[in-house]
PDB file of all heavy atoms in Angstrom:
ATOM      1  N   SER A   1     159.702 303.483 110.396  1.00  0.00           N
ATOM      2  CA  SER A   1     160.214 304.549 111.330  1.00  0.00           C
ATOM      3  C   SER A   1     160.516 305.796 110.580  1.00  0.00           C
ATOM      4  O   SER A   1     160.868 305.732 109.396  1.00  0.00           O
ATOM      5  CB  SER A   1     161.480 304.028 111.944  1.00  0.00           C
ATOM      6  OG  SER A   1     161.256 302.811 112.784  1.00  0.00           O
ATOM      7  N   PHE A   2     160.388 306.868 111.308  1.00  0.00           N
ATOM      8  CA  PHE A   2     160.938 308.165 110.721  1.00  0.00           C
ATOM      9  C   PHE A   2     161.365 309.140 111.844  1.00  0.00           C
ATOM     10  O   PHE A   2     160.959 308.886 113.021  1.00  0.00           O
ATOM     11  CB  PHE A   2     159.927 308.747 109.723  1.00  0.00           C
ATOM     12  CG  PHE A   2     158.772 309.482 110.307  1.00  0.00           C
ATOM     13  CD1 PHE A   2     158.511 310.852 110.075  1.00  0.00           C
ATOM     14  CD2 PHE A   2     157.856 308.761 111.061  1.00  0.00           C
ATOM     15  CE1 PHE A   2     157.469 311.454 110.566  1.00  0.00           C
ATOM     16  CE2 PHE A   2     156.728 309.424 111.626  1.00  0.00           C
ATOM     17  CZ  PHE A   2     156.558 310.815 111.361  1.00  0.00           C
ATOM     18  N   THR A   3     162.126 310.159 111.495  1.00  0.00           N
ATOM     19  CA  THR A   3     162.666 311.094 112.458  1.00  0.00           C
ATOM     20  C   THR A   3     162.459 312.540 112.003  1.00  0.00           C
ATOM     21  O   THR A   3     163.400 313.097 111.440  1.00  0.00           O
ATOM     22  CB  THR A   3     164.193 310.815 112.700  1.00  0.00           C
ATOM     23  OG1 THR A   3     164.864 310.925 111.415  1.00  0.00           O
ATOM     24  CG2 THR A   3     164.477 309.425 113.288  1.00  0.00           C
ATOM     25  N   PRO A   4     161.291 313.076 112.330  1.00  0.00           N
ATOM     26  CA  PRO A   4     160.949 314.459 111.836  1.00  0.00           C
ATOM     27  C   PRO A   4     161.763 315.480 112.680  1.00  0.00           C
ATOM     28  O   PRO A   4     161.203 316.190 113.494  1.00  0.00           O
ATOM     29  CB  PRO A   4     159.475 314.529 111.976  1.00  0.00           C
ATOM     30  CG  PRO A   4     159.150 313.542 113.119  1.00  0.00           C
ATOM     31  CD  PRO A   4     160.158 312.430 113.076  1.00  0.00           C
ATOM     32  N   ASN A   5     163.100 315.531 112.549  1.00  0.00           N
ATOM     33  CA  ASN A   5     163.829 316.459 113.322  1.00  0.00           C
ATOM     34  C   ASN A   5     164.580 317.496 112.553  1.00  0.00           C
ATOM     35  O   ASN A   5     165.401 318.250 113.072  1.00  0.00           O
ATOM     36  CB  ASN A   5     164.920 315.713 114.186  1.00  0.00           C
ATOM     37  CG  ASN A   5     165.816 314.881 113.306  1.00  0.00           C
ATOM     38  OD1 ASN A   5     165.834 314.957 112.113  1.00  0.00           O
ATOM     39  ND2 ASN A   5     166.568 313.950 113.967  1.00  0.00           N
ATOM     40  N   GLY A   6     164.245 317.591 111.227  1.00  0.00           N
ATOM     41  CA  GLY A   6     164.791 318.675 110.404  1.00  0.00           C
ATOM     42  C   GLY A   6     166.150 318.492 109.854  1.00  0.00           C
ATOM     43  O   GLY A   6     166.686 319.422 109.377  1.00  0.00           O
ATOM     44  N   ASP A   7     166.701 317.290 109.990  1.00  0.00           N
ATOM     45  CA  ASP A   7     168.073 317.051 109.532  1.00  0.00           C
ATOM     46  C   ASP A   7     168.124 316.637 108.061  1.00  0.00           C
ATOM     47  O   ASP A   7     169.211 316.476 107.525  1.00  0.00           O
ATOM     48  CB  ASP A   7     168.811 316.070 110.425  1.00  0.00           C
ATOM     49  CG  ASP A   7     168.276 314.592 110.275  1.00  0.00           C
ATOM     50  OD1 ASP A   7     167.219 314.445 109.583  1.00  0.00           O
ATOM     51  OD2 ASP A   7     168.867 313.750 110.917  1.00  0.00           O
ATOM     52  N   GLY A   8     167.015 316.554 107.475  1.00  0.00           N
ATOM     53  CA  GLY A   8     166.942 316.199 105.975  1.00  0.00           C
ATOM     54  C   GLY A   8     166.993 314.698 105.668  1.00  0.00           C
ATOM     55  O   GLY A   8     167.057 314.303 104.575  1.00  0.00           O
ATOM     56  N   MET A   9     167.071 313.931 106.610  1.00  0.00           N
ATOM     57  CA  MET A   9     167.096 312.451 106.517  1.00  0.00           C
ATOM     58  C   MET A   9     165.910 311.777 107.314  1.00  0.00           C
ATOM     59  O   MET A   9     165.746 311.974 108.589  1.00  0.00           O
ATOM     60  CB  MET A   9     168.356 311.872 107.063  1.00  0.00           C
ATOM     61  CG  MET A   9     169.593 312.362 106.397  1.00  0.00           C
ATOM     62  SD  MET A   9     171.218 311.803 107.129  1.00  0.00           S
ATOM     63  CE  MET A   9     170.904 310.049 107.198  1.00  0.00           C
ATOM     64  N   ASN A  10     165.096 311.157 106.582  1.00  0.00           N
ATOM     65  CA  ASN A  10     163.916 310.460 107.167  1.00  0.00           C
ATOM     66  C   ASN A  10     162.914 311.388 107.930  1.00  0.00           C
ATOM     67  O   ASN A  10     162.375 311.026 108.987  1.00  0.00           O
ATOM     68  CB  ASN A  10     164.311 309.241 108.049  1.00  0.00           C
ATOM     69  CG  ASN A  10     165.116 308.257 107.332  1.00  0.00           C
ATOM     70  OD1 ASN A  10     164.776 307.875 106.190  1.00  0.00           O
ATOM     71  ND2 ASN A  10     166.160 307.761 107.914  1.00  0.00           N
ATOM     72  N   ASP A  11     162.819 312.633 107.452  1.00  0.00           N
ATOM     73  CA  ASP A  11     161.987 313.625 108.145  1.00  0.00           C
ATOM     74  C   ASP A  11     160.501 313.417 107.979  1.00  0.00           C
ATOM     75  O   ASP A  11     159.707 313.960 108.698  1.00  0.00           O
ATOM     76  CB  ASP A  11     162.329 315.084 107.764  1.00  0.00           C
ATOM     77  CG  ASP A  11     163.707 315.498 108.312  1.00  0.00           C
ATOM     78  OD1 ASP A  11     164.068 315.022 109.414  1.00  0.00           O
ATOM     79  OD2 ASP A  11     164.307 316.387 107.709  1.00  0.00           O
ATOM     80  N   ILE A  12     160.180 312.575 106.926  1.00  0.00           N
ATOM     81  CA  ILE A  12     158.771 312.440 106.614  1.00  0.00           C
ATOM     82  C   ILE A  12     158.474 310.880 106.463  1.00  0.00           C
ATOM     83  O   ILE A  12     159.201 310.138 105.868  1.00  0.00           O
ATOM     84  CB  ILE A  12     158.411 313.161 105.254  1.00  0.00           C
ATOM     85  CG1 ILE A  12     158.604 314.569 105.391  1.00  0.00           C
ATOM     86  CG2 ILE A  12     157.021 312.810 104.816  1.00  0.00           C
ATOM     87  CD1 ILE A  12     158.343 315.381 104.109  1.00  0.00           C
ATOM     88  N   PHE A  13     157.362 310.505 107.079  1.00  0.00           N
ATOM     89  CA  PHE A  13     156.832 309.132 106.783  1.00  0.00           C
ATOM     90  C   PHE A  13     156.186 309.153 105.422  1.00  0.00           C
ATOM     91  O   PHE A  13     155.116 309.809 105.245  1.00  0.00           O
ATOM     92  CB  PHE A  13     155.865 308.801 107.933  1.00  0.00           C
ATOM     93  CG  PHE A  13     155.123 307.483 107.683  1.00  0.00           C
ATOM     94  CD1 PHE A  13     155.677 306.353 107.694  1.00  0.00           C
ATOM     95  CD2 PHE A  13     153.756 307.535 107.477  1.00  0.00           C
ATOM     96  CE1 PHE A  13     155.104 305.145 107.463  1.00  0.00           C
ATOM     97  CE2 PHE A  13     153.025 306.382 107.167  1.00  0.00           C
ATOM     98  CZ  PHE A  13     153.693 305.109 107.245  1.00  0.00           C
ATOM     99  N   LYS A  14     156.778 308.511 104.528  1.00  0.00           N
ATOM    100  CA  LYS A  14     156.290 308.568 103.120  1.00  0.00           C
ATOM    101  C   LYS A  14     156.152 307.126 102.520  1.00  0.00           C
ATOM    102  O   LYS A  14     157.048 306.406 102.456  1.00  0.00           O
ATOM    103  CB  LYS A  14     157.302 309.324 102.211  1.00  0.00           C
ATOM    104  CG  LYS A  14     156.785 309.562 100.821  1.00  0.00           C
ATOM    105  CD  LYS A  14     157.716 310.424 100.059  1.00  0.00           C
ATOM    106  CE  LYS A  14     157.128 310.744  98.695  1.00  0.00           C
ATOM    107  NZ  LYS A  14     157.945 311.721  97.917  1.00  0.00           N
ATOM    108  N   ILE A  15     154.910 306.860 102.174  1.00  0.00           N
ATOM    109  CA  ILE A  15     154.578 305.621 101.542  1.00  0.00           C
ATOM    110  C   ILE A  15     154.760 305.730 100.018  1.00  0.00           C
ATOM    111  O   ILE A  15     154.200 306.723  99.440  1.00  0.00           O
ATOM    112  CB  ILE A  15     153.201 305.149 101.859  1.00  0.00           C
ATOM    113  CG1 ILE A  15     153.006 304.960 103.372  1.00  0.00           C
ATOM    114  CG2 ILE A  15     152.811 303.887 101.147  1.00  0.00           C
ATOM    115  CD1 ILE A  15     151.666 304.680 103.870  1.00  0.00           C
ATOM    116  N   GLN A  16     155.460 304.866  99.411  1.00  0.00           N
ATOM    117  CA  GLN A  16     155.662 304.913  97.971  1.00  0.00           C
ATOM    118  C   GLN A  16     154.652 303.931  97.301  1.00  0.00           C
ATOM    119  O   GLN A  16     154.685 302.745  97.551  1.00  0.00           O
ATOM    120  CB  GLN A  16     157.082 304.501  97.574  1.00  0.00           C
ATOM    121  CG  GLN A  16     158.145 305.435  98.117  1.00  0.00           C
ATOM    122  CD  GLN A  16     159.554 304.940  97.781  1.00  0.00           C
ATOM    123  OE1 GLN A  16     159.786 303.982  97.087  1.00  0.00           O
ATOM    124  NE2 GLN A  16     160.553 305.616  98.248  1.00  0.00           N
ATOM    125  N   LEU A  17     153.736 304.569  96.671  1.00  0.00           N
ATOM    126  CA  LEU A  17     152.650 303.802  95.967  1.00  0.00           C
ATOM    127  C   LEU A  17     152.998 303.759  94.455  1.00  0.00           C
ATOM    128  O   LEU A  17     153.323 304.758  93.879  1.00  0.00           O
ATOM    129  CB  LEU A  17     151.348 304.524  96.097  1.00  0.00           C
ATOM    130  CG  LEU A  17     150.792 304.775  97.489  1.00  0.00           C
ATOM    131  CD1 LEU A  17     149.642 305.713  97.470  1.00  0.00           C
ATOM    132  CD2 LEU A  17     150.419 303.426  98.092  1.00  0.00           C
ATOM    133  N   ASN A  18     153.001 302.548  93.932  1.00  0.00           N
ATOM    134  CA  ASN A  18     153.239 302.392  92.525  1.00  0.00           C
ATOM    135  C   ASN A  18     151.991 301.836  91.905  1.00  0.00           C
ATOM    136  O   ASN A  18     151.645 300.698  92.122  1.00  0.00           O
ATOM    137  CB  ASN A  18     154.486 301.441  92.321  1.00  0.00           C
ATOM    138  CG  ASN A  18     155.745 301.975  92.884  1.00  0.00           C
ATOM    139  OD1 ASN A  18     156.057 303.156  92.786  1.00  0.00           O
ATOM    140  ND2 ASN A  18     156.455 301.138  93.604  1.00  0.00           N
ATOM    141  N   GLY A  19     151.402 302.618  90.929  1.00  0.00           N
ATOM    142  CA  GLY A  19     150.267 302.082  90.189  1.00  0.00           C
ATOM    143  C   GLY A  19     148.893 302.058  90.918  1.00  0.00           C
ATOM    144  O   GLY A  19     148.067 301.422  90.551  1.00  0.00           O
ATOM    145  N   SER A  20     148.900 302.777  92.082  1.00  0.00           N
ATOM    146  CA  SER A  20     147.627 302.792  92.791  1.00  0.00           C
ATOM    147  C   SER A  20     146.646 303.880  92.245  1.00  0.00           C
ATOM    148  O   SER A  20     147.116 304.947  91.865  1.00  0.00           O
ATOM    149  CB  SER A  20     147.841 303.141  94.280  1.00  0.00           C
ATOM    150  OG  SER A  20     148.709 302.131  94.858  1.00  0.00           O
ATOM    151  N   ASP A  21     145.415 303.578  92.192  1.00  0.00           N
ATOM    152  CA  ASP A  21     144.534 304.574  91.665  1.00  0.00           C
ATOM    153  C   ASP A  21     144.011 305.577  92.713  1.00  0.00           C
ATOM    154  O   ASP A  21     144.228 306.716  92.543  1.00  0.00           O
ATOM    155  CB  ASP A  21     143.257 303.832  91.095  1.00  0.00           C
ATOM    156  CG  ASP A  21     143.578 302.878  89.954  1.00  0.00           C
ATOM    157  OD1 ASP A  21     144.609 303.249  89.156  1.00  0.00           O
ATOM    158  OD2 ASP A  21     142.962 301.873  89.824  1.00  0.00           O
ATOM    159  N   LEU A  22     143.499 305.056  93.807  1.00  0.00           N
ATOM    160  CA  LEU A  22     142.960 305.931  94.902  1.00  0.00           C
ATOM    161  C   LEU A  22     143.568 305.369  96.200  1.00  0.00           C
ATOM    162  O   LEU A  22     143.735 304.116  96.308  1.00  0.00           O
ATOM    163  CB  LEU A  22     141.431 305.904  94.892  1.00  0.00           C
ATOM    164  CG  LEU A  22     140.752 306.379  93.642  1.00  0.00           C
ATOM    165  CD1 LEU A  22     139.287 306.101  93.727  1.00  0.00           C
ATOM    166  CD2 LEU A  22     140.939 307.887  93.384  1.00  0.00           C
ATOM    167  N   PHE A  23     143.643 306.237  97.129  1.00  0.00           N
ATOM    168  CA  PHE A  23     144.019 305.712  98.498  1.00  0.00           C
ATOM    169  C   PHE A  23     143.566 306.686  99.569  1.00  0.00           C
ATOM    170  O   PHE A  23     143.188 307.838  99.315  1.00  0.00           O
ATOM    171  CB  PHE A  23     145.610 305.681  98.580  1.00  0.00           C
ATOM    172  CG  PHE A  23     146.288 307.078  98.586  1.00  0.00           C
ATOM    173  CD1 PHE A  23     146.523 307.665  99.788  1.00  0.00           C
ATOM    174  CD2 PHE A  23     146.557 307.693  97.514  1.00  0.00           C
ATOM    175  CE1 PHE A  23     147.134 308.973  99.854  1.00  0.00           C
ATOM    176  CE2 PHE A  23     147.188 308.999  97.431  1.00  0.00           C
ATOM    177  CZ  PHE A  23     147.450 309.570  98.661  1.00  0.00           C
ATOM    178  N   GLN A  24     143.570 306.214 100.793  1.00  0.00           N
ATOM    179  CA  GLN A  24     143.334 307.082 101.971  1.00  0.00           C
ATOM    180  C   GLN A  24     144.258 306.565 103.107  1.00  0.00           C
ATOM    181  O   GLN A  24     144.357 305.354 103.396  1.00  0.00           O
ATOM    182  CB  GLN A  24     141.878 307.003 102.456  1.00  0.00           C
ATOM    183  CG  GLN A  24     141.714 307.872 103.689  1.00  0.00           C
ATOM    184  CD  GLN A  24     140.250 307.858 104.197  1.00  0.00           C
ATOM    185  OE1 GLN A  24     139.562 306.832 104.190  1.00  0.00           O
ATOM    186  NE2 GLN A  24     139.798 308.898 104.753  1.00  0.00           N
ATOM    187  N   LEU A  25     145.085 307.517 103.603  1.00  0.00           N
ATOM    188  CA  LEU A  25     145.960 307.286 104.735  1.00  0.00           C
ATOM    189  C   LEU A  25     145.457 307.816 105.974  1.00  0.00           C
ATOM    190  O   LEU A  25     144.994 308.965 105.992  1.00  0.00           O
ATOM    191  CB  LEU A  25     147.387 307.917 104.379  1.00  0.00           C
ATOM    192  CG  LEU A  25     148.413 307.854 105.531  1.00  0.00           C
ATOM    193  CD1 LEU A  25     148.794 306.415 105.831  1.00  0.00           C
ATOM    194  CD2 LEU A  25     149.594 308.674 105.100  1.00  0.00           C
ATOM    195  N   LYS A  26     145.490 306.999 107.016  1.00  0.00           N
ATOM    196  CA  LYS A  26     145.163 307.435 108.433  1.00  0.00           C
ATOM    197  C   LYS A  26     146.288 307.091 109.335  1.00  0.00           C
ATOM    198  O   LYS A  26     146.835 305.973 109.279  1.00  0.00           O
ATOM    199  CB  LYS A  26     143.837 306.828 108.842  1.00  0.00           C
ATOM    200  CG  LYS A  26     142.584 307.231 108.122  1.00  0.00           C
ATOM    201  CD  LYS A  26     141.408 306.557 108.728  1.00  0.00           C
ATOM    202  CE  LYS A  26     140.142 306.944 107.956  1.00  0.00           C
ATOM    203  NZ  LYS A  26     138.929 306.361 108.461  1.00  0.00           N
ATOM    204  N   ILE A  27     146.613 307.957 110.178  1.00  0.00           N
ATOM    205  CA  ILE A  27     147.595 307.848 111.308  1.00  0.00           C
ATOM    206  C   ILE A  27     146.770 307.832 112.571  1.00  0.00           C
ATOM    207  O   ILE A  27     146.019 308.750 112.806  1.00  0.00           O
ATOM    208  CB  ILE A  27     148.654 308.874 111.310  1.00  0.00           C
ATOM    209  CG1 ILE A  27     149.359 309.024 109.988  1.00  0.00           C
ATOM    210  CG2 ILE A  27     149.621 308.673 112.474  1.00  0.00           C
ATOM    211  CD1 ILE A  27     150.162 307.818 109.565  1.00  0.00           C
ATOM    212  N   ILE A  28     147.075 306.803 113.387  1.00  0.00           N
ATOM    213  CA  ILE A  28     146.214 306.643 114.637  1.00  0.00           C
ATOM    214  C   ILE A  28     147.215 306.593 115.842  1.00  0.00           C
ATOM    215  O   ILE A  28     148.263 305.843 115.706  1.00  0.00           O
ATOM    216  CB  ILE A  28     145.384 305.347 114.522  1.00  0.00           C
ATOM    217  CG1 ILE A  28     144.574 305.428 113.225  1.00  0.00           C
ATOM    218  CG2 ILE A  28     144.584 305.089 115.789  1.00  0.00           C
ATOM    219  CD1 ILE A  28     144.035 304.126 112.742  1.00  0.00           C
ATOM    220  N   ASP A  29     146.845 307.253 116.900  1.00  0.00           N
ATOM    221  CA  ASP A  29     147.690 307.096 118.109  1.00  0.00           C
ATOM    222  C   ASP A  29     147.391 305.873 118.923  1.00  0.00           C
ATOM    223  O   ASP A  29     146.392 305.159 118.558  1.00  0.00           O
ATOM    224  CB  ASP A  29     147.606 308.456 118.944  1.00  0.00           C
ATOM    225  CG  ASP A  29     146.283 308.694 119.540  1.00  0.00           C
ATOM    226  OD1 ASP A  29     145.401 307.724 119.595  1.00  0.00           O
ATOM    227  OD2 ASP A  29     146.008 309.830 120.051  1.00  0.00           O
ATOM    228  N   THR A  30     148.113 305.726 119.987  1.00  0.00           N
ATOM    229  CA  THR A  30     147.883 304.496 120.821  1.00  0.00           C
ATOM    230  C   THR A  30     146.585 304.417 121.583  1.00  0.00           C
ATOM    231  O   THR A  30     146.158 303.431 122.115  1.00  0.00           O
ATOM    232  CB  THR A  30     149.068 304.256 121.809  1.00  0.00           C
ATOM    233  OG1 THR A  30     149.144 305.420 122.626  1.00  0.00           O
ATOM    234  CG2 THR A  30     150.347 304.008 121.039  1.00  0.00           C
ATOM    235  N   ASP A  31     145.879 305.554 121.640  1.00  0.00           N
ATOM    236  CA  ASP A  31     144.552 305.650 122.280  1.00  0.00           C
ATOM    237  C   ASP A  31     143.514 305.377 121.298  1.00  0.00           C
ATOM    238  O   ASP A  31     142.316 305.383 121.656  1.00  0.00           O
ATOM    239  CB  ASP A  31     144.328 306.998 122.914  1.00  0.00           C
ATOM    240  CG  ASP A  31     145.264 307.279 124.163  1.00  0.00           C
ATOM    241  OD1 ASP A  31     145.633 306.308 124.802  1.00  0.00           O
ATOM    242  OD2 ASP A  31     145.652 308.463 124.362  1.00  0.00           O
ATOM    243  N   GLY A  32     143.806 305.138 120.042  1.00  0.00           N
ATOM    244  CA  GLY A  32     142.874 304.808 119.010  1.00  0.00           C
ATOM    245  C   GLY A  32     142.221 306.100 118.239  1.00  0.00           C
ATOM    246  O   GLY A  32     141.318 305.962 117.491  1.00  0.00           O
ATOM    247  N   ASN A  33     142.877 307.298 118.559  1.00  0.00           N
ATOM    248  CA  ASN A  33     142.369 308.478 117.926  1.00  0.00           C
ATOM    249  C   ASN A  33     143.057 308.726 116.563  1.00  0.00           C
ATOM    250  O   ASN A  33     144.278 308.474 116.438  1.00  0.00           O
ATOM    251  CB  ASN A  33     142.710 309.718 118.833  1.00  0.00           C
ATOM    252  CG  ASN A  33     142.081 309.620 120.192  1.00  0.00           C
ATOM    253  OD1 ASN A  33     140.961 309.296 120.306  1.00  0.00           O
ATOM    254  ND2 ASN A  33     142.970 309.772 121.212  1.00  0.00           N
ATOM    255  N   VAL A  34     142.252 308.949 115.530  1.00  0.00           N
ATOM    256  CA  VAL A  34     142.829 309.291 114.247  1.00  0.00           C
ATOM    257  C   VAL A  34     143.373 310.705 114.326  1.00  0.00           C
ATOM    258  O   VAL A  34     142.620 311.698 114.593  1.00  0.00           O
ATOM    259  CB  VAL A  34     141.751 309.235 113.135  1.00  0.00           C
ATOM    260  CG1 VAL A  34     142.326 309.656 111.777  1.00  0.00           C
ATOM    261  CG2 VAL A  34     141.161 307.820 112.992  1.00  0.00           C
TER     262      VAL A  34
END
């Protein structure tokens, strides 16, 4: 969960990767749209 409301707490959905070489992140809505 996150709350992008500008209060400085949990404003960004951030994945912490440790030791990953390459990645691709996709966010998808409930209709299946990227």
